[in-house]
Amino acid sequence: MNRDEEWMLFDKACEITASAVRGAMGGTDSQPASYVGDVFTAIHKSLRDAAGEMPDKAKAGFTSAS
C-alpha cells in the first residue's frame, strides 16, 4: 500500500472514530480516554484488512466467459 492510500485510510479511520465515540466522551460516567484509542485501533485495522483484500487494479471493460 502506498503512502497516499495509507493516509486516506488513516483519515477515514479518524472520521469514523469521531462519529463512533461522539456522545460517549466528556460527560459524567463517560468512557476513559483510552476508549477512543481502542476504537480507533479496531477501525483502522478493519479498514487496512479490507483494503488489503481489494484487487490492486480494476480491469476495464468486459471479460468473456470461456
Protein backbone atom coordinates (compact mmCIF):
# COMPACT_ATOMS: atom_id res chain seq x y z
CA MET A 1 0.00 0.00 0.00
CA ASN A 2 1.48 3.34 -0.96
CA ARG A 3 1.72 6.34 1.33
CA ASP A 4 -1.28 8.15 -0.20
CA GLU A 5 -3.52 5.12 0.27
CA GLU A 6 -2.30 4.67 3.85
CA TRP A 7 -3.00 8.34 4.60
CA MET A 8 -6.54 8.04 3.17
CA LEU A 9 -7.20 5.01 5.41
CA PHE A 10 -5.85 6.86 8.45
CA ASP A 11 -8.00 9.91 7.67
CA LYS A 12 -11.13 7.78 7.18
CA ALA A 13 -10.42 5.90 10.44
CA CYS A 14 -10.23 9.27 12.24
CA GLU A 15 -13.60 10.31 10.79
CA ILE A 16 -15.29 7.04 11.70
CA THR A 17 -13.77 7.07 15.20
CA ALA A 18 -15.00 10.62 15.82
CA SER A 19 -18.51 9.61 14.79
CA ALA A 20 -18.41 6.40 16.81
CA VAL A 21 -17.36 7.98 20.11
CA ARG A 22 -19.43 11.14 19.86
CA GLY A 23 -21.70 11.21 22.86
CA ALA A 24 -19.63 8.64 24.75
CA MET A 25 -16.99 11.11 25.88
CA GLY A 26 -16.82 14.14 28.14
CA GLY A 27 -19.83 13.62 30.37
CA THR A 28 -20.06 12.23 33.83
CA ASP A 29 -19.60 8.47 33.85
CA SER A 30 -18.20 8.66 30.30
CA GLN A 31 -15.68 6.28 28.78
CA PRO A 32 -11.99 6.73 29.67
CA ALA A 33 -9.72 8.39 27.08
CA SER A 34 -8.18 5.00 26.24
CA TYR A 35 -11.58 4.00 24.81
CA VAL A 36 -11.04 6.34 21.84
CA GLY A 37 -7.67 4.71 21.17
CA ASP A 38 -9.19 1.25 21.31
CA VAL A 39 -11.99 2.22 18.91
CA PHE A 40 -9.52 3.86 16.51
CA THR A 41 -7.21 0.83 16.56
CA ALA A 42 -10.07 -1.55 15.74
CA ILE A 43 -11.43 0.67 12.95
CA HIS A 44 -8.01 1.29 11.38
CA LYS A 45 -7.20 -2.44 11.42
CA SER A 46 -10.53 -3.26 9.79
CA LEU A 47 -10.02 -0.67 7.06
CA ARG A 48 -6.47 -1.93 6.37
CA ASP A 49 -7.67 -5.53 6.20
CA ALA A 50 -10.47 -4.59 3.80
CA ALA A 51 -8.11 -2.56 1.62
CA GLY A 52 -5.68 -5.47 1.54
CA GLU A 53 -8.38 -7.77 0.18
CA MET A 54 -9.22 -5.45 -2.71
CA PRO A 55 -7.58 -6.11 -6.09
CA ASP A 56 -4.63 -3.87 -6.93
CA LYS A 57 -6.11 -2.56 -10.14
CA ALA A 58 -9.58 -2.78 -11.58
CA LYS A 59 -9.86 -4.21 -15.07
CA ALA A 60 -11.70 -2.01 -17.52
CA GLY A 61 -14.19 -3.43 -19.94
CA PHE A 62 -15.91 -6.78 -20.04
CA THR A 63 -14.47 -10.24 -19.76
CA SER A 64 -15.77 -13.03 -21.91
CA ALA A 65 -16.77 -16.33 -20.36
CA SER A 66 -14.91 -19.25 -21.85
